[in-house]
Amino acid sequence: MRGKTHNAWGDQMKKGETWFVDVPEGRGNEQKGKRPCIVLGEKNGVVCAVPLTSNDARYQLSFTELIEQTPKNGLREDSIALIFQLKSLSKERFLEKIGEIDEKTQDKIDVMIKEMLKIK
């Protein structure tokens, strides 16, 4: 899956895809810089995504999920999905599709998002 570069006005991005993303400068503990993210959805040129980190200490925080590296997801190492840092980003920030997560992991993330946002 590695190597598919992104055309900002190309195909619809799909839930569960993993991409390298240029996350803009944040403040405090917000994630920033080029990093993998999991796509949740895309409409009108804006993508909702969950940033990932390789910082194991973040796994102790609420609303995080361990994503183990697999050939399918294209991650370089085990990573922590920072669900509590859900972001909306321009599709133009998505640099390269690297893979996709498995359905079981996506289901866990969906449950946490609903819980975090108090959606029934």
PDB file of N, CA and C in Angstrom:
ATOM      1  N   MET A   1       0.814  -1.199   0.000  1.00  0.00           N
ATOM      2  CA  MET A   1       0.000   0.000   0.000  1.00  0.00           C
ATOM      3  C   MET A   1       0.858   1.264   0.000  1.00  0.00           C
ATOM      4  N   ARG A   2       2.098   1.153   0.465  1.00  0.00           N
ATOM      5  CA  ARG A   2       2.950   2.327   0.532  1.00  0.00           C
ATOM      6  C   ARG A   2       3.166   2.928  -0.839  1.00  0.00           C
ATOM      7  N   GLY A   3       3.307   4.255  -0.848  1.00  0.00           N
ATOM      8  CA  GLY A   3       3.716   4.911  -2.059  1.00  0.00           C
ATOM      9  C   GLY A   3       2.605   5.580  -2.845  1.00  0.00           C
ATOM     10  N   LYS A   4       1.350   5.345  -2.509  1.00  0.00           N
ATOM     11  CA  LYS A   4       0.274   5.998  -3.249  1.00  0.00           C
ATOM     12  C   LYS A   4       0.175   7.437  -2.763  1.00  0.00           C
ATOM     13  N   THR A   5       0.615   8.352  -3.578  1.00  0.00           N
ATOM     14  CA  THR A   5       0.552   9.749  -3.182  1.00  0.00           C
ATOM     15  C   THR A   5      -0.859  10.269  -3.398  1.00  0.00           C
ATOM     16  N   HIS A   6      -1.149  11.349  -2.743  1.00  0.00           N
ATOM     17  CA  HIS A   6      -2.504  11.868  -2.705  1.00  0.00           C
ATOM     18  C   HIS A   6      -2.708  13.021  -3.685  1.00  0.00           C
ATOM     19  N   ASN A   7      -3.790  12.976  -4.371  1.00  0.00           N
ATOM     20  CA  ASN A   7      -4.257  14.097  -5.183  1.00  0.00           C
ATOM     21  C   ASN A   7      -5.373  14.749  -4.386  1.00  0.00           C
ATOM     22  N   ALA A   8      -5.224  15.988  -3.993  1.00  0.00           N
ATOM     23  CA  ALA A   8      -6.176  16.654  -3.106  1.00  0.00           C
ATOM     24  C   ALA A   8      -7.603  16.599  -3.617  1.00  0.00           C
ATOM     25  N   TRP A   9      -7.804  16.459  -4.901  1.00  0.00           N
ATOM     26  CA  TRP A   9      -9.175  16.441  -5.435  1.00  0.00           C
ATOM     27  C   TRP A   9      -9.495  15.083  -6.043  1.00  0.00           C
ATOM     28  N   GLY A  10      -8.754  14.053  -5.633  1.00  0.00           N
ATOM     29  CA  GLY A  10      -8.939  12.700  -6.165  1.00  0.00           C
ATOM     30  C   GLY A  10     -10.064  11.947  -5.488  1.00  0.00           C
ATOM     31  N   ASP A  11      -9.892  10.659  -5.403  1.00  0.00           N
ATOM     32  CA  ASP A  11     -10.911   9.775  -4.858  1.00  0.00           C
ATOM     33  C   ASP A  11     -11.249  10.104  -3.408  1.00  0.00           C
ATOM     34  N   GLN A  12     -12.468   9.714  -3.029  1.00  0.00           N
ATOM     35  CA  GLN A  12     -12.928   9.860  -1.648  1.00  0.00           C
ATOM     36  C   GLN A  12     -12.049   9.007  -0.746  1.00  0.00           C
ATOM     37  N   MET A  13     -11.591   9.576   0.355  1.00  0.00           N
ATOM     38  CA  MET A  13     -10.806   8.814   1.316  1.00  0.00           C
ATOM     39  C   MET A  13     -11.770   7.945   2.114  1.00  0.00           C
ATOM     40  N   LYS A  14     -11.293   6.790   2.562  1.00  0.00           N
ATOM     41  CA  LYS A  14     -12.171   5.831   3.222  1.00  0.00           C
ATOM     42  C   LYS A  14     -11.841   5.675   4.695  1.00  0.00           C
ATOM     43  N   LYS A  15     -12.887   5.467   5.479  1.00  0.00           N
ATOM     44  CA  LYS A  15     -12.746   5.225   6.912  1.00  0.00           C
ATOM     45  C   LYS A  15     -11.803   4.050   7.140  1.00  0.00           C
ATOM     46  N   GLY A  16     -10.882   4.234   8.084  1.00  0.00           N
ATOM     47  CA  GLY A  16      -9.949   3.177   8.447  1.00  0.00           C
ATOM     48  C   GLY A  16      -8.627   3.216   7.712  1.00  0.00           C
ATOM     49  N   GLU A  17      -8.513   4.067   6.672  1.00  0.00           N
ATOM     50  CA  GLU A  17      -7.229   4.187   5.981  1.00  0.00           C
ATOM     51  C   GLU A  17      -6.216   4.874   6.887  1.00  0.00           C
ATOM     52  N   THR A  18      -4.954   4.475   6.758  1.00  0.00           N
ATOM     53  CA  THR A  18      -3.873   5.154   7.461  1.00  0.00           C
ATOM     54  C   THR A  18      -3.079   5.978   6.450  1.00  0.00           C
ATOM     55  N   TRP A  19      -2.790   7.210   6.816  1.00  0.00           N
ATOM     56  CA  TRP A  19      -2.089   8.164   5.953  1.00  0.00           C
ATOM     57  C   TRP A  19      -1.015   8.881   6.741  1.00  0.00           C
ATOM     58  N   PHE A  20       0.070   9.265   6.067  1.00  0.00           N
ATOM     59  CA  PHE A  20       0.984  10.255   6.627  1.00  0.00           C
ATOM     60  C   PHE A  20       0.372  11.611   6.353  1.00  0.00           C
ATOM     61  N   VAL A  21       0.328  12.436   7.398  1.00  0.00           N
ATOM     62  CA  VAL A  21      -0.376  13.716   7.346  1.00  0.00           C
ATOM     63  C   VAL A  21       0.526  14.809   7.886  1.00  0.00           C
ATOM     64  N   ASP A  22       0.465  15.967   7.285  1.00  0.00           N
ATOM     65  CA  ASP A  22       1.172  17.151   7.780  1.00  0.00           C
ATOM     66  C   ASP A  22       0.223  17.888   8.722  1.00  0.00           C
ATOM     67  N   VAL A  23       0.287  17.526  10.013  1.00  0.00           N
ATOM     68  CA  VAL A  23      -0.599  18.126  11.025  1.00  0.00           C
ATOM     69  C   VAL A  23      -0.029  19.496  11.403  1.00  0.00           C
ATOM     70  N   PRO A  24      -0.859  20.563  11.335  1.00  0.00           N
ATOM     71  CA  PRO A  24      -0.342  21.908  11.595  1.00  0.00           C
ATOM     72  C   PRO A  24       0.093  22.102  13.043  1.00  0.00           C
ATOM     73  N   GLU A  25       0.904  23.134  13.215  1.00  0.00           N
ATOM     74  CA  GLU A  25       1.417  23.503  14.533  1.00  0.00           C
ATOM     75  C   GLU A  25       0.271  23.613  15.528  1.00  0.00           C
ATOM     76  N   GLY A  26       0.459  23.008  16.687  1.00  0.00           N
ATOM     77  CA  GLY A  26      -0.554  23.059  17.746  1.00  0.00           C
ATOM     78  C   GLY A  26      -0.019  23.795  18.957  1.00  0.00           C
ATOM     79  N   ARG A  27      -0.764  23.700  20.013  1.00  0.00           N
ATOM     80  CA  ARG A  27      -0.349  24.301  21.279  1.00  0.00           C
ATOM     81  C   ARG A  27      -0.358  23.237  22.359  1.00  0.00           C
ATOM     82  N   GLY A  28       0.441  23.434  23.380  1.00  0.00           N
ATOM     83  CA  GLY A  28       0.465  22.488  24.488  1.00  0.00           C
ATOM     84  C   GLY A  28       0.795  21.076  24.017  1.00  0.00           C
ATOM     85  N   ASN A  29      -0.071  20.130  24.379  1.00  0.00           N
ATOM     86  CA  ASN A  29       0.159  18.723  24.061  1.00  0.00           C
ATOM     87  C   ASN A  29      -0.504  18.272  22.762  1.00  0.00           C
ATOM     88  N   GLU A  30      -0.983  19.208  21.952  1.00  0.00           N
ATOM     89  CA  GLU A  30      -1.594  18.833  20.677  1.00  0.00           C
ATOM     90  C   GLU A  30      -0.542  18.236  19.752  1.00  0.00           C
ATOM     91  N   GLN A  31      -0.933  17.197  19.023  1.00  0.00           N
ATOM     92  CA  GLN A  31      -0.032  16.573  18.061  1.00  0.00           C
ATOM     93  C   GLN A  31       0.213  17.523  16.892  1.00  0.00           C
ATOM     94  N   LYS A  32       1.417  17.462  16.353  1.00  0.00           N
ATOM     95  CA  LYS A  32       1.771  18.322  15.220  1.00  0.00           C
ATOM     96  C   LYS A  32       2.877  17.647  14.424  1.00  0.00           C
ATOM     97  N   GLY A  33       3.111  18.145  13.241  1.00  0.00           N
ATOM     98  CA  GLY A  33       4.166  17.612  12.397  1.00  0.00           C
ATOM     99  C   GLY A  33       3.681  16.475  11.521  1.00  0.00           C
ATOM    100  N   LYS A  34       4.599  15.921  10.735  1.00  0.00           N
ATOM    101  CA  LYS A  34       4.257  14.817   9.836  1.00  0.00           C
ATOM    102  C   LYS A  34       4.151  13.538  10.660  1.00  0.00           C
ATOM    103  N   ARG A  35       2.966  12.924  10.590  1.00  0.00           N
ATOM    104  CA  ARG A  35       2.708  11.739  11.398  1.00  0.00           C
ATOM    105  C   ARG A  35       1.586  10.922  10.798  1.00  0.00           C
ATOM    106  N   PRO A  36       1.507   9.648  11.163  1.00  0.00           N
ATOM    107  CA  PRO A  36       0.386   8.850  10.670  1.00  0.00           C
ATOM    108  C   PRO A  36      -0.912   9.227  11.377  1.00  0.00           C
ATOM    109  N   CYS A  37      -2.002   9.101  10.636  1.00  0.00           N
ATOM    110  CA  CYS A  37      -3.346   9.338  11.164  1.00  0.00           C
ATOM    111  C   CYS A  37      -4.285   8.289  10.580  1.00  0.00           C
ATOM    112  N   ILE A  38      -5.386   8.059  11.280  1.00  0.00           N
ATOM    113  CA  ILE A  38      -6.438   7.163  10.809  1.00  0.00           C
ATOM    114  C   ILE A  38      -7.598   8.018  10.324  1.00  0.00           C
ATOM    115  N   VAL A  39      -8.038   7.783   9.102  1.00  0.00           N
ATOM    116  CA  VAL A  39      -9.165   8.521   8.529  1.00  0.00           C
ATOM    117  C   VAL A  39     -10.470   7.999   9.124  1.00  0.00           C
ATOM    118  N   LEU A  40     -11.340   8.936   9.528  1.00  0.00           N
ATOM    119  CA  LEU A  40     -12.679   8.585  10.005  1.00  0.00           C
ATOM    120  C   LEU A  40     -13.741   8.912   8.972  1.00  0.00           C
ATOM    121  N   GLY A  41     -13.491   9.943   8.180  1.00  0.00           N
ATOM    122  CA  GLY A  41     -14.441  10.335   7.154  1.00  0.00           C
ATOM    123  C   GLY A  41     -13.962  11.573   6.437  1.00  0.00           C
ATOM    124  N   GLU A  42     -14.552  11.819   5.251  1.00  0.00           N
ATOM    125  CA  GLU A  42     -14.142  12.975   4.444  1.00  0.00           C
ATOM    126  C   GLU A  42     -15.345  13.524   3.697  1.00  0.00           C
ATOM    127  N   LYS A  43     -15.550  14.818   3.844  1.00  0.00           N
ATOM    128  CA  LYS A  43     -16.602  15.526   3.113  1.00  0.00           C
ATOM    129  C   LYS A  43     -16.118  16.936   2.801  1.00  0.00           C
ATOM    130  N   ASN A  44     -16.467  17.407   1.618  1.00  0.00           N
ATOM    131  CA  ASN A  44     -16.207  18.797   1.232  1.00  0.00           C
ATOM    132  C   ASN A  44     -14.747  19.204   1.363  1.00  0.00           C
ATOM    133  N   GLY A  45     -13.834  18.268   1.098  1.00  0.00           N
ATOM    134  CA  GLY A  45     -12.412  18.589   1.136  1.00  0.00           C
ATOM    135  C   GLY A  45     -11.800  18.627   2.528  1.00  0.00           C
ATOM    136  N   VAL A  46     -12.579  18.246   3.556  1.00  0.00           N
ATOM    137  CA  VAL A  46     -12.085  18.216   4.936  1.00  0.00           C
ATOM    138  C   VAL A  46     -12.182  16.783   5.445  1.00  0.00           C
ATOM    139  N   VAL A  47     -11.118  16.330   6.103  1.00  0.00           N
ATOM    140  CA  VAL A  47     -11.049  14.960   6.595  1.00  0.00           C
ATOM    141  C   VAL A  47     -11.018  14.968   8.114  1.00  0.00           C
ATOM    142  N   CYS A  48     -11.845  14.132   8.708  1.00  0.00           N
ATOM    143  CA  CYS A  48     -11.825  13.917  10.158  1.00  0.00           C
ATOM    144  C   CYS A  48     -10.887  12.734  10.403  1.00  0.00           C
ATOM    145  N   ALA A  49      -9.896  12.913  11.281  1.00  0.00           N
ATOM    146  CA  ALA A  49      -8.875  11.888  11.479  1.00  0.00           C
ATOM    147  C   ALA A  49      -8.410  11.829  12.927  1.00  0.00           C
ATOM    148  N   VAL A  50      -7.842  10.683  13.280  1.00  0.00           N
ATOM    149  CA  VAL A  50      -7.251  10.457  14.599  1.00  0.00           C
ATOM    150  C   VAL A  50      -5.734  10.390  14.425  1.00  0.00           C
ATOM    151  N   PRO A  51      -4.991  11.298  15.089  1.00  0.00           N
ATOM    152  CA  PRO A  51      -3.527  11.243  14.987  1.00  0.00           C
ATOM    153  C   PRO A  51      -2.960  10.089  15.804  1.00  0.00           C
ATOM    154  N   LEU A  52      -1.803   9.601  15.374  1.00  0.00           N
ATOM    155  CA  LEU A  52      -1.108   8.526  16.071  1.00  0.00           C
ATOM    156  C   LEU A  52       0.220   9.034  16.623  1.00  0.00           C
ATOM    157  N   THR A  53       0.688   8.372  17.673  1.00  0.00           N
ATOM    158  CA  THR A  53       1.993   8.670  18.251  1.00  0.00           C
ATOM    159  C   THR A  53       2.689   7.365  18.590  1.00  0.00           C
ATOM    160  N   SER A  54       4.006   7.388  18.616  1.00  0.00           N
ATOM    161  CA  SER A  54       4.772   6.215  19.045  1.00  0.00           C
ATOM    162  C   SER A  54       5.176   6.335  20.515  1.00  0.00           C
ATOM    163  N   ASN A  55       4.756   7.402  21.183  1.00  0.00           N
ATOM    164  CA  ASN A  55       5.064   7.642  22.587  1.00  0.00           C
ATOM    165  C   ASN A  55       4.189   6.726  23.454  1.00  0.00           C
ATOM    166  N   ASP A  56       4.778   5.635  23.942  1.00  0.00           N
ATOM    167  CA  ASP A  56       4.044   4.640  24.735  1.00  0.00           C
ATOM    168  C   ASP A  56       3.373   5.226  25.972  1.00  0.00           C
ATOM    169  N   ALA A  57       3.929   6.274  26.539  1.00  0.00           N
ATOM    170  CA  ALA A  57       3.364   6.873  27.755  1.00  0.00           C
ATOM    171  C   ALA A  57       1.954   7.402  27.514  1.00  0.00           C
ATOM    172  N   ARG A  58       1.631   7.738  26.281  1.00  0.00           N
ATOM    173  CA  ARG A  58       0.297   8.273  25.950  1.00  0.00           C
ATOM    174  C   ARG A  58      -0.802   7.216  26.102  1.00  0.00           C
ATOM    175  N   TYR A  59      -0.428   5.936  26.109  1.00  0.00           N
ATOM    176  CA  TYR A  59      -1.420   4.861  26.208  1.00  0.00           C
ATOM    177  C   TYR A  59      -2.149   4.890  27.551  1.00  0.00           C
ATOM    178  N   GLN A  60      -1.557   5.528  28.547  1.00  0.00           N
ATOM    179  CA  GLN A  60      -2.171   5.635  29.874  1.00  0.00           C
ATOM    180  C   GLN A  60      -3.295   6.668  29.901  1.00  0.00           C
ATOM    181  N   LEU A  61      -3.385   7.499  28.885  1.00  0.00           N
ATOM    182  CA  LEU A  61      -4.425   8.531  28.846  1.00  0.00           C
ATOM    183  C   LEU A  61      -5.763   7.928  28.431  1.00  0.00           C
ATOM    184  N   SER A  62      -6.846   8.590  28.796  1.00  0.00           N
ATOM    185  CA  SER A  62      -8.184   8.159  28.390  1.00  0.00           C
ATOM    186  C   SER A  62      -8.348   8.318  26.888  1.00  0.00           C
ATOM    187  N   PHE A  63      -9.200   7.484  26.298  1.00  0.00           N
ATOM    188  CA  PHE A  63      -9.561   7.547  24.884  1.00  0.00           C
ATOM    189  C   PHE A  63      -8.350   7.407  23.964  1.00  0.00           C
ATOM    190  N   THR A  64      -7.582   6.344  24.232  1.00  0.00           N
ATOM    191  CA  THR A  64      -6.459   5.955  23.378  1.00  0.00           C
ATOM    192  C   THR A  64      -6.592   4.470  23.060  1.00  0.00           C
ATOM    193  N   GLU A  65      -5.982   4.046  21.974  1.00  0.00           N
ATOM    194  CA  GLU A  65      -6.027   2.638  21.566  1.00  0.00           C
ATOM    195  C   GLU A  65      -4.691   2.252  20.945  1.00  0.00           C
ATOM    196  N   LEU A  66      -4.136   1.124  21.383  1.00  0.00           N
ATOM    197  CA  LEU A  66      -2.893   0.615  20.811  1.00  0.00           C
ATOM    198  C   LEU A  66      -3.166   0.077  19.407  1.00  0.00           C
ATOM    199  N   ILE A  67      -2.364   0.509  18.444  1.00  0.00           N
ATOM    200  CA  ILE A  67      -2.428   0.010  17.075  1.00  0.00           C
ATOM    201  C   ILE A  67      -1.101  -0.707  16.809  1.00  0.00           C
ATOM    202  N   GLU A  68      -1.146  -2.023  16.770  1.00  0.00           N
ATOM    203  CA  GLU A  68       0.075  -2.787  16.522  1.00  0.00           C
ATOM    204  C   GLU A  68       0.434  -2.700  15.048  1.00  0.00           C
ATOM    205  N   GLN A  69       1.722  -2.557  14.765  1.00  0.00           N
ATOM    206  CA  GLN A  69       2.220  -2.459  13.400  1.00  0.00           C
ATOM    207  C   GLN A  69       1.938  -3.762  12.665  1.00  0.00           C
ATOM    208  N   THR A  70       1.379  -3.651  11.467  1.00  0.00           N
ATOM    209  CA  THR A  70       1.158  -4.807  10.593  1.00  0.00           C
ATOM    210  C   THR A  70       1.462  -4.373   9.157  1.00  0.00           C
ATOM    211  N   PRO A  71       1.727  -5.323   8.278  1.00  0.00           N
ATOM    212  CA  PRO A  71       1.897  -4.950   6.870  1.00  0.00           C
ATOM    213  C   PRO A  71       0.644  -4.267   6.306  1.00  0.00           C
ATOM    214  N   LYS A  72      -0.531  -4.663   6.771  1.00  0.00           N
ATOM    215  CA  LYS A  72      -1.782  -4.094   6.261  1.00  0.00           C
ATOM    216  C   LYS A  72      -1.931  -2.615   6.614  1.00  0.00           C
ATOM    217  N   ASN A  73      -1.569  -2.233   7.863  1.00  0.00           N
ATOM    218  CA  ASN A  73      -1.767  -0.829   8.249  1.00  0.00           C
ATOM    219  C   ASN A  73      -0.604   0.063   7.833  1.00  0.00           C
ATOM    220  N   GLY A  74       0.528  -0.519   7.444  1.00  0.00           N
ATOM    221  CA  GLY A  74       1.645   0.256   6.919  1.00  0.00           C
ATOM    222  C   GLY A  74       2.420   1.074   7.936  1.00  0.00           C
ATOM    223  N   LEU A  75       2.106   0.912   9.215  1.00  0.00           N
ATOM    224  CA  LEU A  75       2.825   1.678  10.243  1.00  0.00           C
ATOM    225  C   LEU A  75       4.236   1.139  10.398  1.00  0.00           C
ATOM    226  N   ARG A  76       5.176   2.001  10.753  1.00  0.00           N
ATOM    227  CA  ARG A  76       6.572   1.615  10.925  1.00  0.00           C
ATOM    228  C   ARG A  76       6.805   0.949  12.273  1.00  0.00           C
ATOM    229  N   GLU A  77       5.924   1.266  13.245  1.00  0.00           N
ATOM    230  CA  GLU A  77       6.064   0.728  14.597  1.00  0.00           C
ATOM    231  C   GLU A  77       4.696   0.752  15.274  1.00  0.00           C
ATOM    232  N   ASP A  78       4.586   0.028  16.404  1.00  0.00           N
ATOM    233  CA  ASP A  78       3.355   0.083  17.174  1.00  0.00           C
ATOM    234  C   ASP A  78       3.097   1.535  17.537  1.00  0.00           C
ATOM    235  N   SER A  79       1.833   1.927  17.510  1.00  0.00           N
ATOM    236  CA  SER A  79       1.467   3.327  17.735  1.00  0.00           C
ATOM    237  C   SER A  79       0.243   3.412  18.624  1.00  0.00           C
ATOM    238  N   ILE A  80       0.042   4.578  19.189  1.00  0.00           N
ATOM    239  CA  ILE A  80      -1.124   4.853  20.029  1.00  0.00           C
ATOM    240  C   ILE A  80      -2.039   5.803  19.268  1.00  0.00           C
ATOM    241  N   ALA A  81      -3.301   5.393  19.099  1.00  0.00           N
ATOM    242  CA  ALA A  81      -4.307   6.274  18.484  1.00  0.00           C
ATOM    243  C   ALA A  81      -4.798   7.230  19.560  1.00  0.00           C
ATOM    244  N   LEU A  82      -4.632   8.515  19.308  1.00  0.00           N
ATOM    245  CA  LEU A  82      -5.026   9.555  20.257  1.00  0.00           C
ATOM    246  C   LEU A  82      -6.443  10.031  19.919  1.00  0.00           C
ATOM    247  N   ILE A  83      -7.407   9.214  20.277  1.00  0.00           N
ATOM    248  CA  ILE A  83      -8.795   9.468  19.910  1.00  0.00           C
ATOM    249  C   ILE A  83      -9.271  10.798  20.485  1.00  0.00           C
ATOM    250  N   PHE A  84      -8.809  11.154  21.663  1.00  0.00           N
ATOM    251  CA  PHE A  84      -9.214  12.411  22.294  1.00  0.00           C
ATOM    252  C   PHE A  84      -8.686  13.637  21.544  1.00  0.00           C
ATOM    253  N   GLN A  85      -7.794  13.438  20.575  1.00  0.00           N
ATOM    254  CA  GLN A  85      -7.273  14.539  19.768  1.00  0.00           C
ATOM    255  C   GLN A  85      -7.834  14.511  18.348  1.00  0.00           C
ATOM    256  N   LEU A  86      -9.019  13.990  18.193  1.00  0.00           N
ATOM    257  CA  LEU A  86      -9.734  13.965  16.919  1.00  0.00           C
ATOM    258  C   LEU A  86      -9.566  15.301  16.204  1.00  0.00           C
ATOM    259  N   LYS A  87      -9.225  15.252  14.908  1.00  0.00           N
ATOM    260  CA  LYS A  87      -8.941  16.493  14.172  1.00  0.00           C
ATOM    261  C   LYS A  87      -9.699  16.543  12.856  1.00  0.00           C
ATOM    262  N   SER A  88     -10.042  17.759  12.442  1.00  0.00           N
ATOM    263  CA  SER A  88     -10.561  18.026  11.099  1.00  0.00           C
ATOM    264  C   SER A  88      -9.466  18.766  10.358  1.00  0.00           C
ATOM    265  N   LEU A  89      -9.052  18.197   9.214  1.00  0.00           N
ATOM    266  CA  LEU A  89      -7.925  18.747   8.472  1.00  0.00           C
ATOM    267  C   LEU A  89      -8.245  18.801   6.990  1.00  0.00           C
ATOM    268  N   SER A  90      -7.671  19.783   6.306  1.00  0.00           N
ATOM    269  CA  SER A  90      -7.818  19.865   4.859  1.00  0.00           C
ATOM    270  C   SER A  90      -7.271  18.598   4.213  1.00  0.00           C
ATOM    271  N   LYS A  91      -7.968  18.123   3.209  1.00  0.00           N
ATOM    272  CA  LYS A  91      -7.540  16.937   2.474  1.00  0.00           C
ATOM    273  C   LYS A  91      -6.139  17.137   1.887  1.00  0.00           C
ATOM    274  N   GLU A  92      -5.775  18.381   1.627  1.00  0.00           N
ATOM    275  CA  GLU A  92      -4.462  18.689   1.063  1.00  0.00           C
ATOM    276  C   GLU A  92      -3.314  18.354   2.021  1.00  0.00           C
ATOM    277  N   ARG A  93      -3.599  18.181   3.317  1.00  0.00           N
ATOM    278  CA  ARG A  93      -2.563  17.850   4.299  1.00  0.00           C
ATOM    279  C   ARG A  93      -2.216  16.358   4.298  1.00  0.00           C
ATOM    280  N   PHE A  94      -3.020  15.549   3.607  1.00  0.00           N
ATOM    281  CA  PHE A  94      -2.809  14.106   3.578  1.00  0.00           C
ATOM    282  C   PHE A  94      -1.817  13.781   2.466  1.00  0.00           C
ATOM    283  N   LEU A  95      -0.627  13.347   2.860  1.00  0.00           N
ATOM    284  CA  LEU A  95       0.509  13.244   1.960  1.00  0.00           C
ATOM    285  C   LEU A  95       0.627  11.896   1.258  1.00  0.00           C
ATOM    286  N   GLU A  96       0.381  10.817   1.991  1.00  0.00           N
ATOM    287  CA  GLU A  96       0.609   9.493   1.425  1.00  0.00           C
ATOM    288  C   GLU A  96      -0.226   8.453   2.162  1.00  0.00           C
ATOM    289  N   LYS A  97      -0.970   7.686   1.408  1.00  0.00           N
ATOM    290  CA  LYS A  97      -1.702   6.565   2.000  1.00  0.00           C
ATOM    291  C   LYS A  97      -0.710   5.449   2.267  1.00  0.00           C
ATOM    292  N   ILE A  98      -0.751   4.905   3.511  1.00  0.00           N
ATOM    293  CA  ILE A  98       0.198   3.846   3.854  1.00  0.00           C
ATOM    294  C   ILE A  98      -0.487   2.509   4.134  1.00  0.00           C
ATOM    295  N   GLY A  99      -1.800   2.497   4.334  1.00  0.00           N
ATOM    296  CA  GLY A  99      -2.476   1.237   4.602  1.00  0.00           C
ATOM    297  C   GLY A  99      -3.865   1.459   5.158  1.00  0.00           C
ATOM    298  N   GLU A 100      -4.321   0.481   5.962  1.00  0.00           N
ATOM    299  CA  GLU A 100      -5.623   0.597   6.622  1.00  0.00           C
ATOM    300  C   GLU A 100      -5.631  -0.289   7.852  1.00  0.00           C
ATOM    301  N   ILE A 101      -6.395   0.110   8.864  1.00  0.00           N
ATOM    302  CA  ILE A 101      -6.498  -0.681  10.082  1.00  0.00           C
ATOM    303  C   ILE A 101      -7.555  -1.762   9.890  1.00  0.00           C
ATOM    304  N   ASP A 102      -7.531  -2.760  10.763  1.00  0.00           N
ATOM    305  CA  ASP A 102      -8.507  -3.841  10.666  1.00  0.00           C
ATOM    306  C   ASP A 102      -9.856  -3.392  11.247  1.00  0.00           C
ATOM    307  N   GLU A 103     -10.889  -4.109  10.875  1.00  0.00           N
ATOM    308  CA  GLU A 103     -12.257  -3.740  11.266  1.00  0.00           C
ATOM    309  C   GLU A 103     -12.459  -3.775  12.783  1.00  0.00           C
ATOM    310  N   LYS A 104     -11.853  -4.748  13.468  1.00  0.00           N
ATOM    311  CA  LYS A 104     -11.989  -4.852  14.926  1.00  0.00           C
ATOM    312  C   LYS A 104     -11.436  -3.606  15.615  1.00  0.00           C
ATOM    313  N   THR A 105     -10.286  -3.141  15.164  1.00  0.00           N
ATOM    314  CA  THR A 105      -9.679  -1.930  15.739  1.00  0.00           C
ATOM    315  C   THR A 105     -10.536  -0.713  15.440  1.00  0.00           C
ATOM    316  N   GLN A 106     -11.058  -0.615  14.214  1.00  0.00           N
ATOM    317  CA  GLN A 106     -11.924   0.509  13.863  1.00  0.00           C
ATOM    318  C   GLN A 106     -13.176   0.511  14.739  1.00  0.00           C
ATOM    319  N   ASP A 107     -13.732  -0.660  15.001  1.00  0.00           N
ATOM    320  CA  ASP A 107     -14.916  -0.752  15.867  1.00  0.00           C
ATOM    321  C   ASP A 107     -14.617  -0.242  17.270  1.00  0.00           C
ATOM    322  N   LYS A 108     -13.432  -0.582  17.817  1.00  0.00           N
ATOM    323  CA  LYS A 108     -13.040  -0.095  19.144  1.00  0.00           C
ATOM    324  C   LYS A 108     -12.936   1.430  19.154  1.00  0.00           C
ATOM    325  N   ILE A 109     -12.354   1.979  18.098  1.00  0.00           N
ATOM    326  CA  ILE A 109     -12.216   3.439  17.999  1.00  0.00           C
ATOM    327  C   ILE A 109     -13.597   4.083  17.915  1.00  0.00           C
ATOM    328  N   ASP A 110     -14.487   3.518  17.117  1.00  0.00           N
ATOM    329  CA  ASP A 110     -15.848   4.057  16.992  1.00  0.00           C
ATOM    330  C   ASP A 110     -16.561   4.093  18.341  1.00  0.00           C
ATOM    331  N   VAL A 111     -16.425   3.018  19.129  1.00  0.00           N
ATOM    332  CA  VAL A 111     -17.060   2.961  20.450  1.00  0.00           C
ATOM    333  C   VAL A 111     -16.506   4.071  21.347  1.00  0.00           C
ATOM    334  N   MET A 112     -15.185   4.264  21.316  1.00  0.00           N
ATOM    335  CA  MET A 112     -14.571   5.303  22.158  1.00  0.00           C
ATOM    336  C   MET A 112     -15.004   6.700  21.745  1.00  0.00           C
ATOM    337  N   ILE A 113     -15.135   6.928  20.437  1.00  0.00           N
ATOM    338  CA  ILE A 113     -15.591   8.243  19.970  1.00  0.00           C
ATOM    339  C   ILE A 113     -17.001   8.518  20.480  1.00  0.00           C
ATOM    340  N   LYS A 114     -17.873   7.533  20.352  1.00  0.00           N
ATOM    341  CA  LYS A 114     -19.256   7.693  20.845  1.00  0.00           C
ATOM    342  C   LYS A 114     -19.270   7.973  22.345  1.00  0.00           C
ATOM    343  N   GLU A 115     -18.443   7.240  23.096  1.00  0.00           N
ATOM    344  CA  GLU A 115     -18.364   7.445  24.534  1.00  0.00           C
ATOM    345  C   GLU A 115     -17.810   8.835  24.869  1.00  0.00           C
ATOM    346  N   MET A 116     -16.739   9.212  24.191  1.00  0.00           N
ATOM    347  CA  MET A 116     -16.107  10.505  24.456  1.00  0.00           C
ATOM    348  C   MET A 116     -17.065  11.675  24.155  1.00  0.00           C
ATOM    349  N   LEU A 117     -17.811  11.563  23.058  1.00  0.00           N
ATOM    350  CA  LEU A 117     -18.730  12.629  22.667  1.00  0.00           C
ATOM    351  C   LEU A 117     -20.137  12.461  23.259  1.00  0.00           C
ATOM    352  N   LYS A 118     -20.293  11.399  24.045  1.00  0.00           N
ATOM    353  CA  LYS A 118     -21.566  11.104  24.702  1.00  0.00           C
ATOM    354  C   LYS A 118     -22.699  10.939  23.691  1.00  0.00           C
ATOM    355  N   ILE A 119     -22.410  10.179  22.633  1.00  0.00           N
ATOM    356  CA  ILE A 119     -23.386   9.867  21.596  1.00  0.00           C
ATOM    357  C   ILE A 119     -23.975   8.494  21.907  1.00  0.00           C
ATOM    358  N   LYS A 120     -25.286   8.413  21.896  1.00  0.00           N
ATOM    359  CA  LYS A 120     -25.934   7.118  22.185  1.00  0.00           C
ATOM    360  C   LYS A 120     -26.242   6.377  20.935  1.00  0.00           C
TER     361      LYS A 120
END
